[in-house]
Each structure stands twice: as C-alpha cells, then as structure tokens.
Amino acid sequence: MRELDELLVRYLENDYPNVSDDDKAAFRAVLELADPELNAYLLQRQMPSSEPIARVINRILRRDHT
C-alpha cells in the first residue's frame, strides 16, 4: 500500500536521523516484519507486543513525538 510506504518514508526522513540507537534498531526490526503483520500495526488493527516496536509504530503514526 502506497500510503503505508509513505508513512515509513516520512519517519525515515524526518525522525530516524534524530532517534536513539535503540529506536533505530527497532525501526529496522519493523522493516523486517512480514507485510500482514506490519500492515496490521500501521492500520491500527493490532498493537505490537514488543515495547520498542510499539514505540516506533506510534511515532510513525505521529501519536508520539518524543
């Protein structure tokens, strides 16, 4: 889905350079997720059980600006 790709690119361009190494690792883990799982998280049908991945998903969706 193009819209979801745009969310990931926006995070990569705007937030990724300024986040901690732990959050960079979590973002890389997000990119490794299977498409159905990633789509479920980005479409807010599911929440990740991993706190670091959940934090990155929240930032990608612009619910957490810290």
N, C-alpha and C. Protein backbone atom coordinates (compact mmCIF):
# COMPACT_ATOMS: atom_id res chain seq x y z
N MET A 1 0.84 -1.19 0.00
CA MET A 1 0.00 0.00 0.00
C MET A 1 0.88 1.24 0.00
N ARG A 2 0.65 2.06 -0.93
CA ARG A 2 1.47 3.26 -1.09
C ARG A 2 1.40 4.18 0.13
N GLU A 3 0.22 4.31 0.72
CA GLU A 3 0.06 5.20 1.88
C GLU A 3 0.93 4.74 3.04
N LEU A 4 0.99 3.44 3.24
CA LEU A 4 1.81 2.91 4.34
C LEU A 4 3.29 3.10 4.04
N ASP A 5 3.67 2.92 2.79
CA ASP A 5 5.05 3.19 2.40
C ASP A 5 5.41 4.64 2.68
N GLU A 6 4.48 5.55 2.41
CA GLU A 6 4.73 6.97 2.65
C GLU A 6 4.93 7.25 4.14
N LEU A 7 4.19 6.56 4.99
CA LEU A 7 4.38 6.73 6.44
C LEU A 7 5.80 6.32 6.83
N LEU A 8 6.26 5.19 6.30
CA LEU A 8 7.60 4.71 6.62
C LEU A 8 8.67 5.65 6.11
N VAL A 9 8.50 6.14 4.90
CA VAL A 9 9.48 7.07 4.32
C VAL A 9 9.51 8.37 5.10
N ARG A 10 8.34 8.87 5.50
CA ARG A 10 8.28 10.11 6.28
C ARG A 10 9.05 9.95 7.59
N TYR A 11 8.84 8.82 8.27
CA TYR A 11 9.56 8.56 9.51
C TYR A 11 11.06 8.49 9.24
N LEU A 12 11.43 7.77 8.21
CA LEU A 12 12.85 7.60 7.88
C LEU A 12 13.51 8.94 7.60
N GLU A 13 12.85 9.79 6.88
CA GLU A 13 13.43 11.09 6.52
C GLU A 13 13.41 12.10 7.66
N ASN A 14 12.34 12.10 8.45
CA ASN A 14 12.15 13.16 9.44
C ASN A 14 12.58 12.79 10.86
N ASP A 15 12.38 11.55 11.25
CA ASP A 15 12.60 11.18 12.64
C ASP A 15 13.83 10.30 12.84
N TYR A 16 14.03 9.34 11.96
CA TYR A 16 15.09 8.35 12.12
C TYR A 16 16.46 8.96 12.41
N PRO A 17 16.86 10.03 11.71
CA PRO A 17 18.20 10.57 11.98
C PRO A 17 18.38 11.08 13.41
N ASN A 18 17.29 11.39 14.09
CA ASN A 18 17.38 12.02 15.41
C ASN A 18 17.02 11.11 16.58
N VAL A 19 16.66 9.85 16.31
CA VAL A 19 16.25 8.97 17.40
C VAL A 19 17.45 8.22 17.96
N SER A 20 17.24 7.58 19.10
CA SER A 20 18.31 6.82 19.76
C SER A 20 18.69 5.60 18.93
N ASP A 21 19.84 5.04 19.24
CA ASP A 21 20.27 3.82 18.57
C ASP A 21 19.28 2.68 18.79
N ASP A 22 18.68 2.63 19.98
CA ASP A 22 17.68 1.60 20.26
C ASP A 22 16.46 1.76 19.35
N ASP A 23 16.03 2.99 19.14
CA ASP A 23 14.88 3.22 18.25
C ASP A 23 15.25 2.97 16.79
N LYS A 24 16.48 3.23 16.43
CA LYS A 24 16.92 2.89 15.07
C LYS A 24 16.88 1.38 14.87
N ALA A 25 17.31 0.65 15.87
CA ALA A 25 17.27 -0.82 15.80
C ALA A 25 15.82 -1.30 15.74
N ALA A 26 14.94 -0.67 16.51
CA ALA A 26 13.53 -1.05 16.49
C ALA A 26 12.92 -0.76 15.13
N PHE A 27 13.28 0.35 14.50
CA PHE A 27 12.77 0.66 13.17
C PHE A 27 13.25 -0.38 12.16
N ARG A 28 14.49 -0.78 12.28
CA ARG A 28 14.99 -1.83 11.38
C ARG A 28 14.22 -3.13 11.61
N ALA A 29 13.86 -3.41 12.85
CA ALA A 29 13.05 -4.59 13.15
C ALA A 29 11.66 -4.46 12.53
N VAL A 30 11.11 -3.26 12.56
CA VAL A 30 9.81 -3.02 11.91
C VAL A 30 9.89 -3.36 10.43
N LEU A 31 10.97 -2.96 9.80
CA LEU A 31 11.13 -3.22 8.37
C LEU A 31 11.28 -4.71 8.06
N GLU A 32 11.66 -5.49 9.05
CA GLU A 32 11.82 -6.94 8.88
C GLU A 32 10.50 -7.70 9.07
N LEU A 33 9.48 -7.04 9.57
CA LEU A 33 8.21 -7.70 9.83
C LEU A 33 7.57 -8.18 8.53
N ALA A 34 6.82 -9.26 8.62
CA ALA A 34 6.04 -9.74 7.47
C ALA A 34 5.00 -8.68 7.12
N ASP A 35 4.70 -8.52 5.85
CA ASP A 35 3.77 -7.50 5.40
C ASP A 35 2.42 -7.53 6.12
N PRO A 36 1.79 -8.70 6.30
CA PRO A 36 0.49 -8.68 7.00
C PRO A 36 0.60 -8.15 8.44
N GLU A 37 1.68 -8.50 9.12
CA GLU A 37 1.88 -8.02 10.49
C GLU A 37 2.12 -6.52 10.51
N LEU A 38 2.98 -6.03 9.64
CA LEU A 38 3.27 -4.60 9.56
C LEU A 38 2.01 -3.82 9.20
N ASN A 39 1.25 -4.32 8.24
CA ASN A 39 0.01 -3.65 7.85
C ASN A 39 -0.97 -3.59 9.02
N ALA A 40 -1.08 -4.67 9.78
CA ALA A 40 -1.98 -4.68 10.94
C ALA A 40 -1.58 -3.62 11.95
N TYR A 41 -0.29 -3.44 12.17
CA TYR A 41 0.18 -2.42 13.11
C TYR A 41 -0.08 -1.02 12.57
N LEU A 42 0.26 -0.79 11.31
CA LEU A 42 0.11 0.55 10.75
C LEU A 42 -1.35 0.94 10.53
N LEU A 43 -2.20 -0.06 10.33
CA LEU A 43 -3.63 0.22 10.18
C LEU A 43 -4.35 0.17 11.53
N GLN A 44 -3.58 0.01 12.59
CA GLN A 44 -4.07 0.03 13.97
C GLN A 44 -5.09 -1.07 14.24
N ARG A 45 -4.91 -2.21 13.59
CA ARG A 45 -5.75 -3.37 13.86
C ARG A 45 -5.17 -4.22 14.97
N GLN A 46 -3.89 -4.02 15.24
CA GLN A 46 -3.15 -4.76 16.26
C GLN A 46 -2.10 -3.84 16.83
N MET A 47 -1.66 -4.16 18.05
CA MET A 47 -0.53 -3.46 18.65
C MET A 47 0.59 -4.47 18.87
N PRO A 48 1.82 -4.06 18.59
CA PRO A 48 2.95 -4.97 18.81
C PRO A 48 3.12 -5.29 20.29
N SER A 49 3.54 -6.52 20.57
CA SER A 49 3.82 -6.87 21.96
C SER A 49 5.18 -6.34 22.40
N SER A 50 6.05 -6.07 21.45
CA SER A 50 7.37 -5.51 21.74
C SER A 50 7.23 -4.00 21.99
N GLU A 51 7.65 -3.56 23.17
CA GLU A 51 7.54 -2.13 23.50
C GLU A 51 8.36 -1.25 22.56
N PRO A 52 9.60 -1.61 22.21
CA PRO A 52 10.35 -0.76 21.28
C PRO A 52 9.67 -0.65 19.91
N ILE A 53 9.14 -1.76 19.42
CA ILE A 53 8.45 -1.71 18.12
C ILE A 53 7.16 -0.89 18.25
N ALA A 54 6.44 -1.07 19.34
CA ALA A 54 5.22 -0.28 19.56
C ALA A 54 5.55 1.22 19.60
N ARG A 55 6.65 1.58 20.25
CA ARG A 55 7.05 2.98 20.34
C ARG A 55 7.34 3.55 18.94
N VAL A 56 8.03 2.78 18.12
CA VAL A 56 8.33 3.24 16.76
C VAL A 56 7.05 3.32 15.93
N ILE A 57 6.18 2.34 16.05
CA ILE A 57 4.91 2.39 15.31
C ILE A 57 4.13 3.64 15.71
N ASN A 58 4.08 3.94 17.00
CA ASN A 58 3.40 5.15 17.46
C ASN A 58 4.01 6.40 16.85
N ARG A 59 5.31 6.44 16.78
CA ARG A 59 5.97 7.61 16.17
C ARG A 59 5.69 7.67 14.68
N ILE A 60 5.71 6.55 14.02
CA ILE A 60 5.40 6.52 12.59
C ILE A 60 4.00 7.08 12.35
N LEU A 61 3.10 6.72 13.23
CA LEU A 61 1.70 7.20 13.09
C LEU A 61 1.49 8.59 13.68
N ARG A 62 2.59 9.18 14.19
CA ARG A 62 2.57 10.54 14.73
C ARG A 62 1.75 10.69 16.00
N ARG A 63 1.68 9.62 16.79
CA ARG A 63 0.98 9.70 18.06
C ARG A 63 1.96 9.98 19.18
N ASP A 64 3.26 9.88 18.89
CA ASP A 64 4.28 10.07 19.92
C ASP A 64 5.41 10.86 19.29
N HIS A 65 5.60 12.08 19.71
CA HIS A 65 6.61 12.95 19.10
C HIS A 65 7.87 13.08 19.94
N THR A 66 8.09 12.20 20.92
CA THR A 66 9.27 12.32 21.77
C THR A 66 10.45 11.62 21.18
